[in-house]
Amino acid sequence: MTGQGPGANRPVTPAPAQAPAPLETPAAVTAPASAAPALAPVAHLPRRRRFFQLIPNDLAFDYLRWRWYAIGASWTLIVLGLAMWWVRGMNYGIDFTGGTLVQVQLTEAADIGKLRDVLSKGGIESFSLQALGEAGHQDFLITLGHVDETRQAKSGAAPAESVPQKVERILKDRFPSLSVRRVETVGPKVGEELKGVAVKAVLSSLGAILVYIWIRFQWRYSIGAVVATIHDVLIVLGAIVVTQSEMTLTVLAAVLTIAGYSVNDTVVVFDRIRENQRRNPKKDLAQVMNEAINQTLSRTLLTSLMTMIVVLVMFFFGGQIIHDFAFSMIVGVIIGTYSSIFVASPVVHMLYQRFPVLAK
């Protein structure tokens, strides 16, 4: 009995058998795991800027607030272009009017005034003369109206001389080093047919855009895209009229290219609007559109900038042959970028206000 008094406390004291450490370790391990989300303030970390990012990530500009100013500016440009078209008319090339184009090259010194005097004295009545390239580059473009050579041949005994041959003979008498580099002839009937084909091409492209956007999105979006495309085409045509650039098949190709370019930017914005609407169906439509435009603005501007660099190189270094094409593309890229931001989405917003979606 006495041996179990104080001596018994010594063997009973093994504390390790009383503290079940392995049973408590899982609780110690799972406690930080359950609190892990509260210990990681990822949202407060600074976001790394992307390479060559033009627009900050937190941009919150209200584009729809300025829609009436943008619509007013657009209508002003369109009305001025149509008024100039009515007053001055479109400067159609031989592709649409018919006629003959002759490109000549000289190795001796000559200016455009001397060539004009020589052609006038040689009996060439209606023509236009244009120097190609910079000063000192001895290439000239001669555009002549359509001449009925069959009627001229019937009036004389000798075989009639064609218009390009007559131009070459007159100029070679004064400039022996002259050489003809290119000759193009289009009849007046073909020119009228090409006008009809051009109108059909533009209308067909607009109709295809309307159907495509209608199927992919809604009819409100399709109308907004077509309105923005018509807006771009009219402003580009107005710029061509104001500058009296020559309307040729090449320039028409530029107009159709601009229509496709504008729709591409517009579809990107529309796709982001639809995505944001699905994420926040109860959010105000104007706010959803502004957020979508801000989110895609960097992509829109970078695409336009890269395209503009190529077009500017064509404009300044591509020569006179593609000068009008490059000019049309420059205007189209600027206006297409503007319309995808300030025209297409505001039109869709107004259609939603006028024809709201019926609750199911």
Protein backbone atom coordinates (compact mmCIF):
# COMPACT_ATOMS: atom_id res chain seq x y z
CA MET A 1 0.00 0.00 0.00
CA THR A 2 2.82 2.37 0.94
CA GLY A 3 4.69 1.35 -2.26
CA GLN A 4 1.83 2.60 -4.35
CA GLY A 5 1.80 6.02 -2.75
CA PRO A 6 4.37 8.40 -4.09
CA GLY A 7 6.17 5.73 -6.12
CA ALA A 8 3.12 4.91 -8.09
CA ASN A 9 2.96 8.39 -9.61
CA ARG A 10 6.22 7.90 -11.41
CA PRO A 11 5.24 5.00 -13.69
CA VAL A 12 1.79 6.45 -14.25
CA THR A 13 3.18 9.76 -15.53
CA PRO A 14 3.89 8.72 -19.13
CA ALA A 15 2.17 11.72 -20.80
CA PRO A 16 2.75 10.55 -24.36
CA ALA A 17 0.16 7.84 -23.95
CA GLN A 18 -2.42 10.42 -22.85
CA ALA A 19 -1.92 12.94 -25.65
CA PRO A 20 -3.20 11.41 -28.90
CA ALA A 21 -1.13 13.60 -31.22
CA PRO A 22 -1.98 11.67 -34.36
CA LEU A 23 -5.67 12.18 -33.72
CA GLU A 24 -5.31 15.97 -33.52
CA THR A 25 -3.07 16.46 -36.54
CA PRO A 26 -5.86 16.07 -39.11
CA ALA A 27 -7.77 18.85 -37.44
CA ALA A 28 -4.66 20.98 -37.49
CA VAL A 29 -4.20 20.23 -41.19
CA THR A 30 -7.78 20.74 -42.28
CA ALA A 31 -8.21 24.02 -40.43
CA PRO A 32 -5.90 26.02 -42.73
CA ALA A 33 -7.43 24.32 -45.78
CA SER A 34 -10.90 25.52 -44.88
CA ALA A 35 -9.60 29.04 -44.29
CA ALA A 36 -7.42 29.13 -47.44
CA PRO A 37 -9.77 31.25 -49.60
CA ALA A 38 -9.72 34.04 -47.02
CA LEU A 39 -5.90 34.11 -46.94
CA ALA A 40 -5.32 34.74 -50.66
CA PRO A 41 -6.17 38.33 -51.68
CA VAL A 42 -5.61 37.69 -55.39
CA ALA A 43 -8.04 40.41 -56.44
CA HIS A 44 -5.85 43.10 -54.90
CA LEU A 45 -2.72 42.08 -56.79
CA PRO A 46 -1.77 44.49 -59.61
CA ARG A 47 -2.61 43.14 -63.04
CA ARG A 48 0.29 42.85 -65.43
CA ARG A 49 -0.04 44.99 -68.55
CA ARG A 50 0.01 43.13 -71.81
CA PHE A 51 2.59 43.83 -74.45
CA PHE A 52 1.68 46.92 -76.49
CA GLN A 53 -1.64 47.43 -74.72
CA LEU A 54 -3.27 50.68 -75.80
CA ILE A 55 -6.29 50.63 -73.51
CA PRO A 56 -6.12 50.07 -69.71
CA ASN A 57 -8.04 47.15 -68.24
CA ASP A 58 -10.18 49.31 -66.00
CA LEU A 59 -11.49 51.67 -68.70
CA ALA A 60 -15.14 52.62 -68.08
CA PHE A 61 -16.09 55.11 -70.79
CA ASP A 62 -19.78 55.73 -71.47
CA TYR A 63 -20.07 55.53 -75.26
CA LEU A 64 -23.85 55.46 -75.48
CA ARG A 65 -23.96 58.78 -73.68
CA TRP A 66 -22.42 60.39 -76.79
CA ARG A 67 -24.54 58.53 -79.34
CA TRP A 68 -26.56 61.57 -80.40
CA TYR A 69 -23.41 63.62 -81.02
CA ALA A 70 -21.98 60.73 -83.05
CA ILE A 71 -25.19 60.33 -85.05
CA GLY A 72 -25.24 64.07 -85.75
CA ALA A 73 -21.63 64.03 -86.95
CA SER A 74 -22.32 61.01 -89.16
CA TRP A 75 -25.39 62.58 -90.74
CA THR A 76 -23.42 65.77 -91.39
CA LEU A 77 -20.69 63.86 -93.27
CA ILE A 78 -23.23 61.82 -95.23
CA VAL A 79 -25.32 64.84 -96.26
CA LEU A 80 -22.22 66.80 -97.31
CA GLY A 81 -21.00 63.86 -99.38
CA LEU A 82 -24.37 63.41 -101.10
CA ALA A 83 -24.60 67.15 -101.77
CA MET A 84 -21.16 67.17 -103.39
CA TRP A 85 -22.14 64.10 -105.39
CA TRP A 86 -25.20 65.96 -106.66
CA VAL A 87 -23.21 69.11 -107.51
CA ARG A 88 -19.91 67.74 -108.84
CA GLY A 89 -20.79 64.18 -109.72
CA MET A 90 -18.69 61.07 -109.41
CA ASN A 91 -15.42 60.99 -111.35
CA TYR A 92 -15.95 57.66 -113.09
CA GLY A 93 -13.02 55.98 -114.77
CA ILE A 94 -13.07 54.27 -118.14
CA ASP A 95 -14.23 51.08 -116.42
CA PHE A 96 -17.67 52.69 -116.07
CA THR A 97 -17.75 55.34 -118.80
CA GLY A 98 -15.93 53.55 -121.60
CA GLY A 99 -12.90 54.89 -123.44
CA THR A 100 -9.20 54.25 -123.88
CA LEU A 101 -6.34 54.47 -121.40
CA VAL A 102 -2.77 54.76 -122.66
CA GLN A 103 0.28 54.74 -120.39
CA VAL A 104 3.47 56.03 -121.98
CA GLN A 105 7.07 56.35 -120.79
CA LEU A 106 9.71 58.89 -121.77
CA THR A 107 13.45 58.76 -121.23
CA GLU A 108 13.98 62.40 -122.17
CA ALA A 109 12.97 65.43 -120.12
CA ALA A 110 9.35 66.45 -120.58
CA ASP A 111 6.57 67.89 -118.49
CA ILE A 112 2.84 67.40 -118.52
CA GLY A 113 2.26 70.80 -120.16
CA LYS A 114 4.33 69.91 -123.22
CA LEU A 115 2.50 66.61 -123.68
CA ARG A 116 -0.87 68.35 -123.40
CA ASP A 117 0.12 70.91 -126.09
CA VAL A 118 1.38 68.20 -128.43
CA LEU A 119 -1.80 66.14 -128.12
CA SER A 120 -4.05 69.18 -128.60
CA LYS A 121 -2.19 70.28 -131.73
CA GLY A 122 -2.28 66.72 -133.06
CA GLY A 123 -6.08 66.64 -133.12
CA ILE A 124 -6.81 64.77 -129.89
CA GLU A 125 -9.87 66.58 -128.58
CA SER A 126 -11.13 65.17 -125.28
CA PHE A 127 -8.51 63.64 -123.02
CA SER A 128 -7.06 63.86 -119.54
CA LEU A 129 -3.38 63.66 -118.72
CA GLN A 130 -1.87 62.53 -115.46
CA ALA A 131 1.75 62.18 -114.36
CA LEU A 132 2.56 58.95 -112.53
CA GLY A 133 4.89 58.97 -109.57
CA GLU A 134 6.98 61.84 -108.28
CA ALA A 135 8.41 64.75 -110.23
CA GLY A 136 10.96 63.59 -112.79
CA HIS A 137 9.37 60.16 -113.18
CA GLN A 138 8.63 60.17 -116.90
CA ASP A 139 5.46 58.05 -116.92
CA PHE A 140 2.18 59.59 -118.06
CA LEU A 141 -1.38 58.29 -118.11
CA ILE A 142 -3.59 59.46 -120.97
CA THR A 143 -7.33 58.85 -120.71
CA LEU A 144 -9.45 59.41 -123.80
CA GLY A 145 -13.19 59.28 -124.30
CA HIS A 146 -14.84 56.66 -126.41
CA VAL A 147 -14.40 57.14 -130.16
CA ASP A 148 -16.55 55.30 -132.73
CA GLU A 149 -13.72 54.02 -134.92
CA THR A 150 -16.09 52.06 -137.18
CA ARG A 151 -17.79 55.24 -138.36
CA GLN A 152 -14.42 56.90 -138.96
CA ALA A 153 -13.23 53.94 -141.00
CA LYS A 154 -16.27 54.14 -143.31
CA SER A 155 -15.59 57.80 -144.08
CA GLY A 156 -12.04 57.25 -145.41
CA ALA A 157 -10.51 55.09 -148.12
CA ALA A 158 -7.48 54.03 -146.09
CA PRO A 159 -7.81 51.81 -143.02
CA ALA A 160 -8.62 53.88 -139.98
CA GLU A 161 -5.90 54.46 -137.40
CA SER A 162 -6.82 53.35 -133.89
CA VAL A 163 -6.82 55.88 -131.08
CA PRO A 164 -3.79 54.38 -129.25
CA GLN A 165 -1.84 54.27 -132.50
CA LYS A 166 -2.71 57.90 -133.24
CA VAL A 167 -1.61 59.00 -129.78
CA GLU A 168 1.65 57.09 -130.11
CA ARG A 169 2.37 58.57 -133.56
CA ILE A 170 1.68 62.16 -132.45
CA LEU A 171 3.85 61.90 -129.36
CA LYS A 172 6.71 60.06 -131.07
CA ASP A 173 7.03 62.85 -133.62
CA ARG A 174 7.89 65.18 -130.75
CA PHE A 175 9.44 62.67 -128.30
CA PRO A 176 11.31 59.93 -130.23
CA SER A 177 12.20 58.04 -127.02
CA LEU A 178 8.53 57.48 -126.15
CA SER A 179 7.32 53.93 -125.54
CA VAL A 180 3.78 52.69 -124.86
CA ARG A 181 3.63 50.57 -121.74
CA ARG A 182 -0.09 49.85 -121.39
CA VAL A 183 -3.28 50.21 -123.41
CA GLU A 184 -6.79 49.52 -122.08
CA THR A 185 -10.02 50.00 -124.02
CA VAL A 186 -13.56 49.65 -122.64
CA GLY A 187 -16.68 50.17 -124.74
CA PRO A 188 -19.53 52.36 -123.46
CA LYS A 189 -21.92 49.40 -123.30
CA VAL A 190 -19.51 47.44 -121.15
CA GLY A 191 -19.09 50.47 -118.90
CA GLU A 192 -22.84 50.73 -118.33
CA GLU A 193 -23.00 47.01 -117.57
CA LEU A 194 -20.18 47.36 -115.06
CA LYS A 195 -22.12 50.11 -113.28
CA GLY A 196 -25.06 47.76 -112.85
CA VAL A 197 -22.78 44.97 -111.67
CA ALA A 198 -21.18 47.33 -109.13
CA VAL A 199 -24.55 48.32 -107.67
CA LYS A 200 -25.64 44.68 -107.49
CA ALA A 201 -22.38 43.73 -105.76
CA VAL A 202 -22.84 46.35 -103.04
CA LEU A 203 -26.52 45.49 -102.49
CA SER A 204 -25.78 41.75 -102.44
CA SER A 205 -23.07 42.20 -99.82
CA LEU A 206 -25.42 44.23 -97.61
CA GLY A 207 -28.14 41.59 -97.97
CA ALA A 208 -25.73 38.79 -97.07
CA ILE A 209 -24.59 40.73 -94.01
CA LEU A 210 -28.21 41.26 -92.94
CA VAL A 211 -29.02 37.53 -93.16
CA TYR A 212 -25.80 36.41 -91.47
CA ILE A 213 -26.13 38.71 -88.46
CA TRP A 214 -29.85 37.89 -88.18
CA ILE A 215 -29.09 34.15 -87.99
CA ARG A 216 -26.14 34.49 -85.62
CA PHE A 217 -27.65 37.12 -83.29
CA GLN A 218 -31.07 38.79 -83.61
CA TRP A 219 -32.81 40.99 -86.13
CA ARG A 220 -31.98 44.08 -84.03
CA TYR A 221 -28.27 43.31 -84.34
CA SER A 222 -28.57 42.65 -88.07
CA ILE A 223 -30.18 46.05 -88.66
CA GLY A 224 -27.50 47.72 -86.55
CA ALA A 225 -24.72 46.05 -88.56
CA VAL A 226 -26.28 46.95 -91.92
CA VAL A 227 -26.86 50.57 -90.84
CA ALA A 228 -23.20 50.83 -89.79
CA THR A 229 -22.05 49.31 -93.09
CA ILE A 230 -24.21 51.65 -95.19
CA HIS A 231 -22.88 54.51 -93.07
CA ASP A 232 -19.29 53.53 -93.88
CA VAL A 233 -19.92 53.06 -97.61
CA LEU A 234 -21.66 56.43 -97.98
CA ILE A 235 -18.92 58.33 -96.16
CA VAL A 236 -16.19 56.66 -98.23
CA LEU A 237 -18.06 57.48 -101.46
CA GLY A 238 -18.46 61.05 -100.20
CA ALA A 239 -14.70 61.30 -99.64
CA ILE A 240 -14.09 60.00 -103.17
CA VAL A 241 -16.44 62.65 -104.58
CA VAL A 242 -14.94 65.50 -102.54
CA THR A 243 -11.37 64.64 -103.60
CA GLN A 244 -12.51 63.78 -107.16
CA SER A 245 -10.65 60.50 -107.02
CA GLU A 246 -11.29 58.25 -109.98
CA MET A 247 -13.98 55.64 -109.43
CA THR A 248 -12.66 52.44 -110.97
CA LEU A 249 -13.17 48.74 -110.39
CA THR A 250 -10.17 48.82 -108.06
CA VAL A 251 -11.79 51.50 -105.92
CA LEU A 252 -15.04 49.52 -105.95
CA ALA A 253 -13.07 46.56 -104.59
CA ALA A 254 -11.83 48.84 -101.81
CA VAL A 255 -15.42 49.83 -100.96
CA LEU A 256 -16.48 46.19 -100.70
CA THR A 257 -13.40 45.42 -98.61
CA ILE A 258 -14.33 48.22 -96.23
CA ALA A 259 -17.83 46.78 -95.86
CA GLY A 260 -16.40 43.43 -94.79
CA TYR A 261 -13.84 45.07 -92.52
CA SER A 262 -16.49 47.11 -90.74
CA VAL A 263 -18.74 44.08 -90.21
CA ASN A 264 -15.82 42.12 -88.75
CA ASP A 265 -15.24 44.74 -86.03
CA THR A 266 -18.98 45.05 -85.40
CA VAL A 267 -19.45 41.29 -84.97
CA VAL A 268 -16.65 41.19 -82.38
CA VAL A 269 -18.41 43.85 -80.29
CA PHE A 270 -21.82 42.18 -80.74
CA ASP A 271 -20.42 38.83 -79.65
CA ARG A 272 -19.06 40.35 -76.44
CA ILE A 273 -22.39 42.08 -75.78
CA ARG A 274 -24.23 38.77 -76.10
CA GLU A 275 -21.73 37.05 -73.82
CA ASN A 276 -22.08 39.74 -71.15
CA GLN A 277 -25.87 39.60 -71.41
CA ARG A 278 -25.83 35.88 -70.69
CA ARG A 279 -23.63 36.42 -67.63
CA ASN A 280 -25.71 39.30 -66.26
CA PRO A 281 -29.22 39.05 -67.72
CA LYS A 282 -30.63 41.58 -65.24
CA LYS A 283 -28.03 44.28 -65.86
CA ASP A 284 -29.00 47.39 -67.81
CA LEU A 285 -28.43 46.97 -71.55
CA ALA A 286 -26.62 50.30 -71.91
CA GLN A 287 -24.15 49.30 -69.21
CA VAL A 288 -23.63 45.90 -70.81
CA MET A 289 -22.90 47.54 -74.18
CA ASN A 290 -20.47 50.05 -72.69
CA GLU A 291 -18.60 47.27 -70.90
CA ALA A 292 -18.44 45.19 -74.07
CA ILE A 293 -17.06 48.07 -76.14
CA ASN A 294 -14.47 48.87 -73.45
CA GLN A 295 -13.42 45.21 -73.28
CA THR A 296 -12.94 44.93 -77.05
CA LEU A 297 -11.57 48.43 -77.65
CA SER A 298 -7.92 47.42 -77.36
CA ARG A 299 -8.40 44.66 -79.93
CA THR A 300 -10.31 47.01 -82.26
CA LEU A 301 -7.68 49.75 -82.15
CA LEU A 302 -4.74 47.37 -82.55
CA THR A 303 -6.35 45.73 -85.59
CA SER A 304 -7.08 49.11 -87.14
CA LEU A 305 -3.56 50.35 -86.40
CA MET A 306 -1.91 47.36 -88.07
CA THR A 307 -4.19 47.68 -91.10
CA MET A 308 -3.55 51.42 -91.29
CA ILE A 309 0.22 50.91 -91.37
CA VAL A 310 -0.07 48.66 -94.43
CA VAL A 311 -2.51 50.99 -96.19
CA LEU A 312 -0.34 54.06 -95.53
CA VAL A 313 2.65 52.29 -97.08
CA MET A 314 0.51 51.55 -100.14
CA PHE A 315 -0.68 55.17 -100.27
CA PHE A 316 2.76 56.80 -100.13
CA PHE A 317 4.94 54.22 -101.88
CA GLY A 318 2.56 52.14 -104.02
CA GLY A 319 2.49 54.49 -106.99
CA GLN A 320 -0.32 56.28 -108.76
CA ILE A 321 -1.99 53.10 -109.95
CA ILE A 322 -3.21 52.08 -106.47
CA HIS A 323 -3.29 55.60 -104.99
CA ASP A 324 -7.08 55.92 -105.11
CA PHE A 325 -7.52 52.39 -103.76
CA ALA A 326 -5.25 53.15 -100.80
CA PHE A 327 -7.00 56.47 -100.14
CA SER A 328 -10.38 54.75 -100.01
CA MET A 329 -9.00 52.16 -97.62
CA ILE A 330 -7.56 54.81 -95.30
CA VAL A 331 -10.92 56.57 -95.03
CA GLY A 332 -12.71 53.23 -94.67
CA VAL A 333 -10.52 51.92 -91.85
CA ILE A 334 -11.00 55.12 -89.85
CA ILE A 335 -14.75 55.28 -90.43
CA GLY A 336 -15.20 51.52 -89.92
CA THR A 337 -13.50 51.67 -86.52
CA TYR A 338 -15.61 54.67 -85.55
CA SER A 339 -18.89 53.07 -86.65
CA SER A 340 -18.28 49.81 -84.78
CA ILE A 341 -18.02 51.85 -81.58
CA PHE A 342 -20.39 54.81 -81.98
CA VAL A 343 -22.93 53.67 -84.61
CA ALA A 344 -23.69 49.95 -84.54
CA SER A 345 -24.26 49.46 -80.80
CA PRO A 346 -26.28 52.68 -80.32
CA VAL A 347 -28.58 51.64 -83.18
CA VAL A 348 -29.14 48.25 -81.53
CA HIS A 349 -29.80 49.98 -78.20
CA MET A 350 -32.42 52.24 -79.77
CA LEU A 351 -34.09 49.24 -81.41
CA TYR A 352 -34.28 47.48 -78.03
CA GLN A 353 -35.88 50.59 -76.56
CA ARG A 354 -38.37 50.86 -79.41
CA PHE A 355 -39.06 47.09 -79.64
CA PRO A 356 -38.34 45.58 -76.23
CA VAL A 357 -38.04 41.83 -75.79
CA LEU A 358 -41.36 40.37 -74.64
CA ALA A 359 -41.19 38.41 -71.39
CA LYS A 360 -41.91 34.73 -71.83
